[in-house]
Structure formats: structure tokens, C-alpha cells
Amino acid sequence: MSFLSRCNATLFLSLENDNKKQNKDVFVKCGLGVLCSFFLVFLVGVPSVYGSKSEQSVWSVGLKSRIDYLIKRSGISRSHLSIWVSTESFADQLQVYDLNSQSKRVPASLTKVITGAAALRLYPENHKFVTRLMSPHPIKNGVLKGDLYLVGGGNPSFVSENMWDLVNELRRTGVKKIEGQVIVDDSLFDSVRFDPSRTQQRVNRAYDAPVGAMSFNWNSVNVYIRPGSSKGKPASVYIDPENEYYELVNNVTTSGGASASVQLKRVPVGKNKERITVSGKIGLSSDEKVKYMSVLRPDYWSGFNLISFLKQRGIEVQEKVKLGKVPGKSRVLSDHESKPLSEVVKDMMKFSNNYVAEMLTKNLSLMGASKERGTMEGGMHRLQKFLTERGWKASDFALVNPSGLTRDNRFSAFAMASLLDDLRDEFKIYPEFLTSFPVSGVDGTLKKRLVGESTKGWMRAKTGMLTGVIGLAGFVKSKKRPLFTYVFIFNGKGSQTIRARELSDEIAYSLINES
């Protein structure tokens, strides 16, 4: 209720409780009316914490000049940039800076802002994904009399400690031996591991991991390398987690000094295993090095890891993994619920995890579907609908991949800024949405950017990067001005990629320190 409304309500009650004293009532009515008018005029005349519109106009002109100067100094063509900056102005958004903001650009991982927002908006609060161990067979005297099914529930965050929970719960049922085989049910999603919407050049890096309804440790493996006991000796190489999915070939030798140059190469072995060859040199004085590599078959990778965990827990099991669908009359022997959806979105946003983005999107395709398998096409349709329902015109954007690992996505800086501002009014999801962003100088992909005391913690923004593409989108808080919405997209020469990232930070620095 507004201040003036509260005054009028008080006046009404006063008149109702003493309607016999008409002259006094008239006096009260007039007196309170004048009083309310006085306070209304007083409040309107009080300077806003944001400053008057004329004051905002003055400092925004100065800020615009500084941004223009930074762009000129960078040597980057203005035609290669799309920038939008706005801030609160009473009940409206005040445009502070606009450079080609309506131009559609390749956004890279800024796309994940859409994916994360849609997941938070479309799923129920605290939604969780469930992974299960099931079997149609009985347990007698500690022996499971048949196959054990590992049933994937599309959990993007199922990692080693979760596998331990699953296996420990199974052990508490009294199971000590499995007579059958481990069978992985990966049928919740389709069988497409690498969607064609991704860039077509496959690499063995963890950021290019495949997806599957049954996935484990972000479908990547850690390879650790330590120097040997003396120069010329073989280095020590370890895979974590260790299991029978990988064959390891160690061709790394120990050299002098402290530098390291190590390469990983993988090849499929049959249809269900891989061989990793680790080559190169590591200095005798070098610290331990770690390399991250994606796997090719999430289903078999998950199954062999389950076997390893079962054996470590003292449960006897065959070293074989098959694929198949769990029989309809099977019962649940143990299950594991994922962390809440908001935490999964945070994993994706903070570290720009492409795998999580695609896993969430295939899950979105299942909403409201009774028999369909999760598909990228179905999930992308939901993301596109999420945008059009918020006023985006279909002709104003192209969205083919939810992670941004493509050059076929297109949208404008202004459209992204509009989405960010729109979500600030969504009370049920905005707190979780905001906390999912990397924080300048603190965590995620912004941990090593804007680390100074004057800038640390004052920006929450999603980053994006491909060769010739830089993106930054989110919120910046000036210490003396209201909250800025800031979107920066560079599409230009590959040789200017790093300079463009520096420019995006320089503009953010100016916003934070705006006085």
C-alpha cells in the first residue's frame, strides 16, 4: 500500500468511528488531506538514491565517453562489437551505452544463460535426478541371483561419491555377491552422444564430453603424471578413477628441470573400451600434472566404474558390462538423488560446462512426455519456446545448441540484456539464477579476472569464448550507482580474441568504479 493510500485508509476509519461529530470530521478530513498532500510533495522532492534523471544523464554521458575511449584504445573495430549497458532509473531501465546492440552475433557460452534460466523456470523447485540399482532377481544368503541393472536417470552431476552412496546402500541390503552381470540401462535418452549442432571437430578434451542418460564424472577421466625417481626413468602415470574401461600405455620419461610436456592420445578398443597412450617428458623437479580427457562411451564407462566400486566394497562381481533395458517387474535395490537442480545449474554456469548444458536440455525434452526418449531436438524446442513466450521473435535469434559450442547460435546483446532484466522480476528463481553466475575475482570462469580489491566480487556474469568470439553477460554493481545490466559480444578476428576479453573487463572495471 502506498503512503497516500495509507493516509486515506486512516482518514476513512476516523470518520467511520465518529460520524456524529460532523464538524470535527470535516476538520480531520481536511487536516489529514493537507497532511497527506504535504508528505507526498515532500517525498517527491526528496532526491532518489539513484539521483535525478538529469543527474543520471550527466554521469552516463561521462561513462559513455570512457567506454568509447576504451574501445578506440583497444584497436578493435566497432563493427565487431555489440555492447549494451543499462541501469535502474526509478521504475524504468536507463540506457547507458548502446553499440550495435540489435545486431545478431555468435554468443558462444552466453547461450548457457538461456539454458540455465529455462531449466530453473520449467522444472519444479528443487527437482532432482535419480540413479538406481535394480534387479528382477531375488537375493538369497547375500547372493543376488541374477543381473544387476544400473539405470540412468539423466543426472548430469553423478560423480564418484554418489557411486559410493549407491554401492554402500546396496551393501547394506546384505548383498555380497552378484551371480549375473552388470547391465547398464541408458534408455532414458536417445543414443546420440555428440549432437550434430556442436562444432564438428571432435577433440578428446573434457569440454567436448559426450552425453548419456547414464553418465559418470562428467564423462571424463583424470590422468595424473609424476616424475620418476631420477632423470631418464619412466614417469608415474595414474588414471582416476581406476577401472577396466581403460588400458593405459605410459611412454612418459623423466627429464631434467621442472618443465613438463605431456600429450594424451586415445583409441577405441573393441566396442566397449579405450586405450590411453600418455607420451612426453616431465622434469624431475616438476609438480604433479593432471590432464582431463573425455570418454567415448558413457554407458560402458559408468558400468565398469560400478564394477570397480562394487569390488572395492567387497562385493563379488564379474568383470563384464552389457547394455539393456531393465525388466518391468524389477525392484529398486538402492538409489541416489542428485543435488537440487539449482546446484546443477550452478555447476554449468560457474564452469561453463557444455556437457551439463546438453544433459539438462535432453532432460527438458522429457517434460510432459510419457514414452519418448530424451532428445536434443525436443529440448531445443522447449528452449526456443521459453524465449518466444518472453517476447523474443523467432526471426531475431537462432538457437541450435544449448551450450554455445557452435557458431550457428545467434542473438543480440540487447535481447540477452532484456532476458536478464526480465528474470530479475521472477522472484521464485531469480535468487538461484543470480548465484549461479561466476563472481569476479572469486570463482568459476571469472576467478582470475578483475581480481583487484576494487573489483573483486562486484560483477556476476557469464563468460563465453571461441576463437574470434568473446562474450560477457550479467550484472555489475557500482559502489555509488545502481545495478548495471551489462552485455558484451565480440565477433571478429581470431588474433584479437584475447584483446577483446581484456576490453570486456576494462569496461566492467569502469562500471564498477563509476562515481
Protein backbone atom coordinates (compact mmCIF):
# COMPACT_ATOMS: atom_id res chain seq x y z
CA MET A 1 0.00 0.00 0.00
CA SER A 2 1.34 3.43 -0.97
CA PHE A 3 1.92 6.21 1.54
CA LEU A 4 -1.07 8.18 0.18
CA SER A 5 -3.34 5.11 0.35
CA ARG A 6 -2.39 4.51 3.98
CA CYS A 7 -3.27 8.12 4.78
CA ASN A 8 -6.69 7.78 3.12
CA ALA A 9 -7.38 4.50 4.96
CA THR A 10 -6.61 6.15 8.28
CA LEU A 11 -8.93 9.03 7.38
CA PHE A 12 -11.77 6.64 6.48
CA LEU A 13 -11.55 4.77 9.80
CA SER A 14 -11.51 8.03 11.72
CA LEU A 15 -14.68 9.21 10.00
CA GLU A 16 -16.48 5.87 10.45
CA ASN A 17 -15.79 5.69 14.19
CA ASP A 18 -17.02 9.21 14.90
CA ASN A 19 -19.64 10.02 12.29
CA LYS A 20 -21.73 12.04 14.73
CA LYS A 21 -19.16 14.78 15.05
CA GLN A 22 -19.52 16.11 11.54
CA ASN A 23 -17.76 19.40 12.04
CA LYS A 24 -14.82 17.68 13.67
CA ASP A 25 -14.81 15.11 10.88
CA VAL A 26 -14.60 17.79 8.26
CA PHE A 27 -11.71 19.32 10.12
CA VAL A 28 -9.98 15.94 10.39
CA LYS A 29 -10.62 15.19 6.73
CA CYS A 30 -9.25 18.47 5.57
CA GLY A 31 -6.36 18.35 8.01
CA LEU A 32 -5.31 14.84 7.08
CA GLY A 33 -5.79 15.56 3.41
CA VAL A 34 -3.47 18.54 3.63
CA LEU A 35 -1.04 16.49 5.69
CA CYS A 36 -1.00 13.68 3.12
CA SER A 37 -0.52 16.15 0.31
CA PHE A 38 2.35 17.78 2.21
CA PHE A 39 4.12 14.46 2.72
CA LEU A 40 3.51 13.42 -0.88
CA VAL A 41 5.11 16.62 -2.16
CA PHE A 42 7.92 16.18 0.35
CA LEU A 43 8.63 12.61 -0.77
CA VAL A 44 8.63 13.51 -4.44
CA GLY A 45 11.03 16.31 -3.70
CA VAL A 46 13.48 14.09 -1.82
CA PRO A 47 16.42 13.13 -4.07
CA SER A 48 16.36 9.45 -5.13
CA VAL A 49 19.21 7.22 -4.06
CA TYR A 50 19.74 6.79 -7.79
CA GLY A 51 19.93 10.51 -8.39
CA SER A 52 17.58 12.57 -10.50
CA LYS A 53 17.16 11.83 -14.18
CA SER A 54 19.20 14.89 -15.03
CA GLU A 55 21.99 13.76 -12.70
CA GLN A 56 21.94 10.29 -14.26
CA SER A 57 22.15 11.85 -17.69
CA VAL A 58 25.32 13.71 -16.69
CA TRP A 59 27.24 10.73 -15.33
CA SER A 60 26.00 8.37 -18.07
CA VAL A 61 27.42 10.74 -20.71
CA GLY A 62 30.78 10.63 -18.94
CA LEU A 63 30.63 6.84 -18.76
CA LYS A 64 29.77 6.60 -22.43
CA SER A 65 32.82 8.70 -23.28
CA ARG A 66 35.06 6.42 -21.23
CA ILE A 67 33.74 3.30 -22.95
CA ASP A 68 34.26 4.92 -26.36
CA TYR A 69 37.83 5.73 -25.36
CA LEU A 70 38.49 2.14 -24.21
CA ILE A 71 37.19 0.76 -27.50
CA LYS A 72 39.34 3.14 -29.52
CA ARG A 73 42.42 2.29 -27.44
CA SER A 74 41.82 -1.46 -27.92
CA GLY A 75 42.25 -1.24 -31.68
CA ILE A 76 39.16 -3.39 -32.21
CA SER A 77 36.77 -2.27 -34.92
CA ARG A 78 33.47 -1.00 -33.52
CA SER A 79 31.70 -3.07 -36.18
CA HIS A 80 32.96 -6.23 -34.47
CA LEU A 81 31.35 -5.31 -31.15
CA SER A 82 27.85 -5.43 -29.69
CA ILE A 83 27.56 -3.79 -26.27
CA TRP A 84 24.61 -2.89 -24.08
CA VAL A 85 24.70 -1.25 -20.66
CA SER A 86 21.62 -0.14 -18.75
CA THR A 87 20.77 0.67 -15.17
CA GLU A 88 17.77 1.30 -12.96
CA SER A 89 16.12 4.68 -13.36
CA PHE A 90 13.24 4.93 -10.92
CA ALA A 91 10.80 2.28 -12.26
CA ASP A 92 12.48 2.02 -15.66
CA GLN A 93 15.75 0.87 -17.18
CA LEU A 94 18.03 3.71 -18.27
CA GLN A 95 20.13 3.08 -21.36
CA VAL A 96 23.72 3.95 -20.53
CA TYR A 97 25.55 2.60 -23.58
CA ASP A 98 24.45 1.05 -26.86
CA LEU A 99 26.79 -0.10 -29.62
CA ASN A 100 25.27 -2.34 -32.30
CA SER A 101 23.14 -3.91 -29.56
CA GLN A 102 20.45 -5.10 -32.01
CA SER A 103 22.96 -6.93 -34.22
CA LYS A 104 22.76 -10.73 -34.02
CA ARG A 105 26.10 -12.28 -33.05
CA VAL A 106 27.64 -15.65 -32.23
CA PRO A 107 27.30 -15.70 -28.40
CA ALA A 108 29.40 -18.79 -27.55
CA SER A 109 28.71 -19.86 -23.95
CA LEU A 110 26.44 -16.91 -23.18
CA THR A 111 23.88 -19.39 -24.51
CA LYS A 112 24.04 -21.16 -21.15
CA VAL A 113 22.24 -18.19 -19.57
CA ILE A 114 19.18 -19.25 -21.58
CA THR A 115 19.62 -22.94 -20.77
CA GLY A 116 20.03 -22.31 -17.06
CA ALA A 117 17.13 -19.88 -16.83
CA ALA A 118 14.81 -22.23 -18.73
CA ALA A 119 15.73 -25.19 -16.52
CA LEU A 120 15.07 -23.20 -13.35
CA ARG A 121 11.81 -21.85 -14.75
CA LEU A 122 10.38 -25.04 -16.26
CA TYR A 123 11.31 -27.65 -13.66
CA PRO A 124 9.66 -27.81 -10.23
CA GLU A 125 11.64 -26.25 -7.38
CA ASN A 126 14.47 -28.45 -6.08
CA HIS A 127 13.94 -31.03 -8.83
CA LYS A 128 16.34 -33.99 -8.51
CA PHE A 129 17.51 -36.69 -10.91
CA VAL A 130 17.52 -40.28 -9.65
CA THR A 131 20.03 -43.06 -10.47
CA ARG A 132 19.05 -46.59 -9.45
CA LEU A 133 20.40 -50.10 -8.97
CA MET A 134 17.62 -52.54 -9.83
CA SER A 135 17.07 -56.23 -10.42
CA PRO A 136 14.19 -58.62 -11.14
CA HIS A 137 16.06 -61.38 -9.29
CA PRO A 138 15.92 -62.37 -5.62
CA ILE A 139 18.65 -62.03 -3.00
CA LYS A 140 19.37 -65.27 -1.13
CA ASN A 141 22.02 -65.66 1.56
CA GLY A 142 23.78 -62.49 0.41
CA VAL A 143 23.79 -63.51 -3.27
CA LEU A 144 21.88 -61.63 -5.97
CA LYS A 145 20.62 -64.47 -8.15
CA GLY A 146 20.95 -62.72 -11.48
CA ASP A 147 21.87 -59.49 -13.23
CA LEU A 148 22.26 -56.08 -11.60
CA TYR A 149 20.92 -53.11 -13.61
CA LEU A 150 22.42 -49.64 -13.37
CA VAL A 151 19.56 -47.41 -14.51
CA GLY A 152 20.43 -43.88 -15.62
CA GLY A 153 18.11 -41.03 -14.70
CA GLY A 154 19.80 -38.30 -16.70
CA ASN A 155 21.77 -36.94 -13.73
CA PRO A 156 24.45 -34.54 -15.05
CA SER A 157 26.20 -34.43 -11.66
CA PHE A 158 26.58 -38.14 -10.84
CA VAL A 159 30.17 -38.48 -9.59
CA SER A 160 32.38 -40.82 -7.56
CA GLU A 161 30.95 -40.01 -4.12
CA ASN A 162 27.44 -40.62 -5.48
CA MET A 163 28.51 -44.00 -6.85
CA TRP A 164 29.85 -44.82 -3.39
CA ASP A 165 26.47 -43.93 -1.86
CA LEU A 166 24.71 -46.17 -4.36
CA VAL A 167 27.05 -49.12 -3.73
CA ASN A 168 27.06 -48.70 0.05
CA GLU A 169 23.26 -48.78 0.15
CA LEU A 170 23.33 -51.97 -1.91
CA ARG A 171 25.85 -53.48 0.51
CA ARG A 172 23.55 -52.66 3.43
CA THR A 173 20.88 -54.88 1.88
CA GLY A 174 23.24 -57.76 2.59
CA VAL A 175 24.45 -58.36 -0.97
CA LYS A 176 27.96 -59.85 -1.06
CA LYS A 177 27.91 -61.45 -4.49
CA ILE A 178 26.26 -60.86 -7.87
CA GLU A 179 25.82 -64.03 -9.90
CA GLY A 180 24.80 -62.24 -13.08
CA GLN A 181 26.36 -59.35 -14.96
CA VAL A 182 26.22 -55.60 -14.62
CA ILE A 183 23.81 -54.28 -17.24
CA VAL A 184 23.56 -50.56 -17.96
CA ASP A 185 20.14 -49.13 -18.85
CA ASP A 186 20.86 -45.91 -20.74
CA SER A 187 17.49 -45.80 -22.48
CA LEU A 188 16.06 -42.60 -20.96
CA PHE A 189 17.88 -40.62 -23.68
CA ASP A 190 18.43 -41.39 -27.34
CA SER A 191 21.75 -42.88 -28.43
CA VAL A 192 23.21 -39.66 -29.91
CA ARG A 193 26.37 -38.90 -27.91
CA PHE A 194 27.64 -35.88 -29.83
CA ASP A 195 24.81 -33.80 -31.23
CA PRO A 196 25.44 -32.50 -34.78
CA SER A 197 24.73 -28.97 -33.53
CA ARG A 198 28.14 -28.93 -31.81
CA THR A 199 31.22 -27.86 -33.69
CA GLN A 200 32.08 -30.80 -35.92
CA GLN A 201 35.73 -31.16 -34.96
CA ARG A 202 35.89 -33.70 -32.11
CA VAL A 203 38.64 -33.40 -29.52
CA ASN A 204 39.50 -35.54 -26.51
CA ARG A 205 39.27 -32.61 -24.10
CA ALA A 206 36.80 -32.76 -21.20
CA TYR A 207 34.82 -29.78 -22.53
CA ASP A 208 33.79 -31.95 -25.51
CA ALA A 209 32.39 -34.83 -23.45
CA PRO A 210 29.52 -36.96 -24.81
CA VAL A 211 26.11 -37.21 -23.14
CA GLY A 212 24.05 -40.17 -22.00
CA ALA A 213 21.23 -40.88 -19.58
CA MET A 214 23.72 -42.91 -17.53
CA SER A 215 26.79 -40.75 -17.20
CA PHE A 216 29.58 -40.61 -14.63
CA ASN A 217 32.11 -37.97 -13.52
CA TRP A 218 31.05 -35.60 -16.31
CA ASN A 219 32.08 -38.38 -18.72
CA SER A 220 35.73 -37.51 -18.33
CA VAL A 221 38.79 -39.07 -16.73
CA ASN A 222 41.71 -37.52 -14.85
CA VAL A 223 45.23 -38.55 -15.85
CA TYR A 224 47.92 -37.71 -13.26
CA ILE A 225 51.64 -37.60 -14.14
CA ARG A 226 54.53 -37.50 -11.66
CA PRO A 227 58.29 -37.52 -12.37
CA GLY A 228 60.21 -40.75 -11.80
CA SER A 229 62.92 -41.29 -9.20
CA SER A 230 65.71 -39.94 -11.43
CA LYS A 231 66.42 -38.46 -14.83
CA GLY A 232 65.74 -40.94 -17.64
CA LYS A 233 63.39 -43.09 -15.56
CA PRO A 234 59.76 -43.67 -16.56
CA ALA A 235 57.31 -41.24 -15.05
CA SER A 236 54.45 -42.43 -12.86
CA VAL A 237 51.05 -42.18 -14.55
CA TYR A 238 47.71 -42.81 -12.84
CA ILE A 239 44.11 -42.79 -14.02
CA ASP A 240 41.38 -41.63 -11.67
CA PRO A 241 39.04 -43.31 -11.16
CA GLU A 242 40.79 -46.59 -11.94
CA ASN A 243 38.71 -49.25 -13.72
CA GLU A 244 38.79 -51.77 -16.53
CA TYR A 245 37.34 -49.40 -19.12
CA TYR A 246 40.80 -48.02 -19.91
CA GLU A 247 44.02 -49.65 -20.96
CA LEU A 248 46.97 -47.40 -20.09
CA VAL A 249 50.20 -47.08 -22.07
CA ASN A 250 52.85 -44.98 -20.32
CA ASN A 251 55.51 -43.50 -22.61
CA VAL A 252 56.44 -40.53 -20.39
CA THR A 253 60.06 -40.18 -19.30
CA THR A 254 61.67 -38.05 -16.60
CA SER A 255 63.86 -35.19 -17.78
CA GLY A 256 65.91 -32.51 -16.06
CA GLY A 257 64.45 -29.25 -14.80
CA ALA A 258 60.89 -28.50 -13.78
CA SER A 259 59.02 -28.20 -17.07
CA ALA A 260 56.59 -30.74 -18.49
CA SER A 261 55.29 -31.52 -21.96
CA VAL A 262 52.77 -34.36 -21.95
CA GLN A 263 50.29 -35.47 -24.62
CA LEU A 264 47.32 -37.84 -24.45
CA LYS A 265 46.05 -39.99 -27.28
CA ARG A 266 43.14 -42.39 -27.17
CA VAL A 267 41.85 -45.12 -29.47
CA PRO A 268 38.80 -47.38 -29.10
CA VAL A 269 39.44 -50.99 -28.11
CA GLY A 270 36.55 -53.07 -29.37
CA LYS A 271 33.14 -51.54 -28.77
CA ASN A 272 33.31 -51.02 -25.03
CA LYS A 273 36.83 -49.93 -24.01
CA GLU A 274 39.54 -47.38 -24.81
CA ARG A 275 43.32 -47.23 -24.76
CA ILE A 276 45.08 -44.10 -23.48
CA THR A 277 48.67 -43.52 -24.56
CA VAL A 278 50.47 -40.91 -22.47
CA SER A 279 53.65 -39.55 -24.08
CA GLY A 280 56.19 -36.81 -23.46
CA LYS A 281 58.54 -35.67 -20.71
CA ILE A 282 58.22 -34.31 -17.20
CA GLY A 283 61.00 -32.59 -15.26
CA LEU A 284 62.48 -34.20 -12.17
CA SER A 285 61.62 -31.07 -10.18
CA SER A 286 58.15 -30.71 -11.67
CA ASP A 287 54.99 -30.79 -9.60
CA GLU A 288 52.37 -33.40 -10.37
CA LYS A 289 50.48 -32.61 -13.57
CA VAL A 290 46.89 -33.52 -14.37
CA LYS A 291 45.21 -33.82 -17.75
CA TYR A 292 41.46 -34.17 -18.31
CA MET A 293 40.11 -36.26 -21.14
CA SER A 294 36.59 -37.10 -22.26
CA VAL A 295 35.39 -40.68 -22.71
CA LEU A 296 33.72 -42.07 -25.82
CA ARG A 297 31.12 -44.44 -24.29
CA PRO A 298 29.38 -43.08 -21.18
CA ASP A 299 27.32 -46.26 -20.75
CA TYR A 300 30.26 -48.69 -20.58
CA TRP A 301 32.34 -46.11 -18.67
CA SER A 302 29.63 -45.98 -15.98
CA GLY A 303 29.26 -49.75 -15.87
CA PHE A 304 32.97 -50.50 -15.45
CA ASN A 305 33.20 -47.88 -12.73
CA LEU A 306 30.29 -49.51 -10.91
CA ILE A 307 32.14 -52.83 -11.02
CA SER A 308 35.27 -51.20 -9.60
CA PHE A 309 33.30 -49.66 -6.74
CA LEU A 310 31.47 -52.92 -6.02
CA LYS A 311 34.76 -54.81 -5.76
CA GLN A 312 36.29 -52.17 -3.51
CA ARG A 313 33.27 -52.56 -1.24
CA GLY A 314 33.85 -56.31 -1.07
CA ILE A 315 31.04 -57.38 -3.41
CA GLU A 316 32.00 -60.18 -5.79
CA VAL A 317 31.04 -59.42 -9.40
CA GLN A 318 32.06 -60.37 -12.94
CA GLU A 319 34.30 -58.01 -14.95
CA LYS A 320 31.74 -57.71 -17.74
CA VAL A 321 29.35 -54.95 -18.75
CA LYS A 322 26.34 -55.30 -21.03
CA LEU A 323 23.70 -52.86 -22.21
CA GLY A 324 19.97 -53.44 -21.87
CA LYS A 325 16.65 -52.20 -20.57
CA VAL A 326 15.65 -53.08 -17.03
CA PRO A 327 12.72 -55.56 -16.92
CA GLY A 328 9.37 -54.09 -15.95
CA LYS A 329 8.93 -56.05 -12.71
CA SER A 330 12.34 -55.19 -11.29
CA ARG A 331 12.64 -53.72 -7.81
CA VAL A 332 14.90 -50.93 -6.61
CA LEU A 333 17.82 -52.18 -4.51
CA SER A 334 19.38 -48.75 -3.99
CA ASP A 335 19.01 -45.28 -5.44
CA HIS A 336 20.67 -41.90 -5.36
CA GLU A 337 19.04 -38.50 -5.75
CA SER A 338 21.10 -35.76 -7.35
CA LYS A 339 21.81 -32.40 -5.78
CA PRO A 340 18.95 -29.91 -6.31
CA LEU A 341 18.51 -28.59 -9.83
CA SER A 342 19.68 -25.12 -8.77
CA GLU A 343 23.06 -26.60 -7.80
CA VAL A 344 23.30 -28.47 -11.12
CA VAL A 345 22.65 -25.20 -12.97
CA LYS A 346 25.33 -23.56 -10.84
CA ASP A 347 27.83 -26.26 -11.92
CA MET A 348 27.03 -25.48 -15.54
CA MET A 349 27.19 -21.70 -15.20
CA LYS A 350 30.21 -21.33 -12.92
CA PHE A 351 32.47 -23.57 -15.00
CA SER A 352 30.74 -23.22 -18.39
CA ASN A 353 30.18 -26.98 -18.57
CA ASN A 354 28.98 -27.95 -22.06
CA TYR A 355 28.14 -31.50 -21.02
CA VAL A 356 25.78 -30.33 -18.26
CA ALA A 357 24.03 -27.94 -20.66
CA GLU A 358 23.27 -30.74 -23.12
CA MET A 359 22.23 -33.16 -20.37
CA LEU A 360 19.77 -30.61 -18.97
CA THR A 361 18.38 -29.97 -22.44
CA LYS A 362 17.71 -33.64 -23.17
CA ASN A 363 16.01 -33.85 -19.78
CA LEU A 364 13.82 -30.86 -20.66
CA SER A 365 12.56 -32.72 -23.72
CA LEU A 366 11.04 -35.35 -21.40
CA MET A 367 8.80 -32.92 -19.52
CA GLY A 368 5.22 -33.96 -20.16
CA ALA A 369 6.29 -36.90 -22.33
CA SER A 370 5.22 -40.40 -21.31
CA LYS A 371 7.11 -42.67 -23.70
CA GLU A 372 9.57 -40.54 -25.62
CA ARG A 373 13.32 -40.72 -25.11
CA GLY A 374 15.21 -37.56 -24.30
CA THR A 375 16.41 -35.82 -27.45
CA MET A 376 18.32 -32.66 -28.22
CA GLU A 377 15.71 -31.65 -30.77
CA GLY A 378 12.90 -31.84 -28.22
CA GLY A 379 14.90 -29.96 -25.60
CA MET A 380 15.89 -27.21 -28.03
CA HIS A 381 12.23 -26.77 -28.94
CA ARG A 382 11.48 -26.10 -25.26
CA LEU A 383 14.31 -23.57 -25.02
CA GLN A 384 13.09 -21.78 -28.14
CA LYS A 385 9.54 -21.71 -26.80
CA PHE A 386 10.83 -20.35 -23.48
CA LEU A 387 12.29 -17.38 -25.39
CA THR A 388 9.32 -16.70 -27.68
CA GLU A 389 6.99 -16.71 -24.68
CA ARG A 390 9.15 -13.91 -23.28
CA GLY A 391 8.79 -11.75 -26.35
CA TRP A 392 11.72 -12.90 -28.49
CA LYS A 393 10.74 -13.05 -32.15
CA ALA A 394 11.71 -16.23 -33.97
CA SER A 395 13.34 -14.12 -36.68
CA ASP A 396 15.57 -12.38 -34.12
CA PHE A 397 17.55 -15.39 -32.93
CA ALA A 398 18.94 -18.78 -33.91
CA LEU A 399 19.34 -21.38 -31.18
CA VAL A 400 20.58 -24.82 -32.22
CA ASN A 401 22.83 -25.87 -29.31
CA PRO A 402 22.27 -25.25 -25.57
CA SER A 403 25.93 -24.97 -24.59
CA GLY A 404 27.12 -22.48 -27.19
CA LEU A 405 29.78 -24.86 -28.53
CA THR A 406 28.77 -23.86 -32.05
CA ARG A 407 28.97 -20.94 -34.45
CA ASP A 408 25.36 -21.37 -35.53
CA ASN A 409 23.69 -19.78 -32.47
CA ARG A 410 22.80 -16.12 -32.93
CA PHE A 411 21.20 -13.44 -30.77
CA SER A 412 21.78 -9.80 -29.93
CA ALA A 413 23.27 -8.12 -26.89
CA PHE A 414 20.00 -6.26 -26.39
CA ALA A 415 17.97 -9.49 -26.41
CA MET A 416 20.25 -11.02 -23.78
CA ALA A 417 20.01 -7.89 -21.64
CA SER A 418 16.23 -7.96 -21.91
CA LEU A 419 16.18 -11.55 -20.68
CA LEU A 420 18.45 -10.71 -17.75
CA ASP A 421 16.24 -7.79 -16.72
CA ASP A 422 13.09 -9.86 -17.18
CA LEU A 423 14.38 -12.60 -14.88
CA ARG A 424 15.01 -10.10 -12.09
CA ASP A 425 11.22 -9.96 -11.69
CA GLU A 426 10.93 -13.75 -11.28
CA PHE A 427 11.08 -13.97 -7.51
CA LYS A 428 10.90 -17.78 -7.36
CA ILE A 429 14.00 -18.36 -9.48
CA TYR A 430 16.00 -15.12 -9.52
CA PRO A 431 18.00 -15.73 -6.30
CA GLU A 432 19.18 -19.14 -7.58
CA PHE A 433 19.73 -17.74 -11.06
CA LEU A 434 21.91 -14.88 -9.80
CA THR A 435 24.02 -17.09 -7.52
CA SER A 436 24.75 -19.44 -10.44
CA PHE A 437 26.86 -16.79 -12.21
CA PRO A 438 30.65 -16.69 -11.84
CA VAL A 439 31.76 -13.92 -9.48
CA SER A 440 34.60 -11.61 -10.48
CA GLY A 441 37.86 -12.49 -8.75
CA VAL A 442 36.15 -15.19 -6.68
CA ASP A 443 35.07 -18.32 -8.56
CA GLY A 444 34.29 -20.09 -11.81
CA THR A 445 35.45 -18.68 -15.11
CA LEU A 446 35.86 -15.22 -13.52
CA LYS A 447 38.12 -16.36 -10.70
CA LYS A 448 41.23 -14.89 -12.32
CA ARG A 449 39.56 -11.82 -13.80
CA LEU A 450 39.00 -8.45 -12.07
CA VAL A 451 40.82 -9.74 -9.00
CA GLY A 452 41.76 -6.35 -7.51
CA GLU A 453 40.25 -5.19 -4.25
CA SER A 454 38.20 -2.53 -6.03
CA THR A 455 36.59 -5.05 -8.42
CA LYS A 456 36.57 -8.41 -6.63
CA GLY A 457 33.02 -9.60 -6.07
CA TRP A 458 31.32 -6.67 -7.82
CA MET A 459 30.35 -8.49 -11.03
CA ARG A 460 28.30 -11.64 -11.57
CA ALA A 461 28.45 -12.59 -15.23
CA LYS A 462 28.55 -15.49 -17.67
CA THR A 463 31.57 -15.72 -19.92
CA GLY A 464 31.81 -17.02 -23.47
CA MET A 465 34.78 -17.77 -25.70
CA LEU A 466 35.53 -19.32 -29.07
CA THR A 467 38.27 -18.34 -31.48
CA GLY A 468 37.24 -14.88 -32.64
CA VAL A 469 34.33 -14.77 -30.17
CA ILE A 470 34.19 -13.24 -26.68
CA GLY A 471 31.09 -12.80 -24.56
CA LEU A 472 30.30 -11.40 -21.12
CA ALA A 473 26.75 -11.01 -19.80
CA GLY A 474 25.36 -10.35 -16.36
CA PHE A 475 25.17 -7.78 -13.62
CA VAL A 476 27.70 -5.24 -12.38
CA LYS A 477 27.32 -3.23 -9.18
CA SER A 478 28.90 0.17 -8.90
CA LYS A 479 29.69 1.24 -5.37
CA LYS A 480 27.89 4.55 -5.91
CA ARG A 481 25.42 3.77 -8.69
CA PRO A 482 22.52 1.33 -9.08
CA LEU A 483 22.92 -2.13 -10.59
CA PHE A 484 24.10 -2.27 -14.21
CA THR A 485 22.95 -4.86 -16.74
CA TYR A 486 25.97 -5.44 -18.99
CA VAL A 487 26.29 -7.48 -22.18
CA PHE A 488 29.43 -7.56 -24.35
CA ILE A 489 29.80 -9.65 -27.52
CA PHE A 490 32.81 -9.61 -29.84
CA ASN A 491 32.79 -11.39 -33.20
CA GLY A 492 35.95 -10.64 -35.10
CA LYS A 493 39.50 -11.68 -35.86
CA GLY A 494 40.92 -14.67 -34.03
CA SER A 495 44.10 -12.71 -33.36
CA GLN A 496 42.06 -10.18 -31.34
CA THR A 497 40.25 -12.70 -29.11
CA ILE A 498 42.38 -12.07 -26.02
CA ARG A 499 42.34 -8.30 -26.57
CA ALA A 500 38.55 -8.40 -26.77
CA ARG A 501 38.37 -10.25 -23.46
CA GLU A 502 40.60 -7.59 -21.91
CA LEU A 503 38.32 -4.89 -23.30
CA SER A 504 35.24 -6.53 -21.78
CA ASP A 505 36.98 -6.47 -18.39
CA GLU A 506 38.11 -2.86 -18.81
CA ILE A 507 34.53 -1.78 -19.44
CA ALA A 508 33.37 -3.77 -16.40
CA TYR A 509 36.08 -2.07 -14.34
CA SER A 510 34.74 1.32 -15.42
CA LEU A 511 31.20 0.35 -14.45
CA ILE A 512 32.27 -0.92 -11.02
CA ASN A 513 34.26 2.20 -10.27
CA GLU A 514 31.72 4.64 -11.71
CA SER A 515 31.43 7.61 -9.38
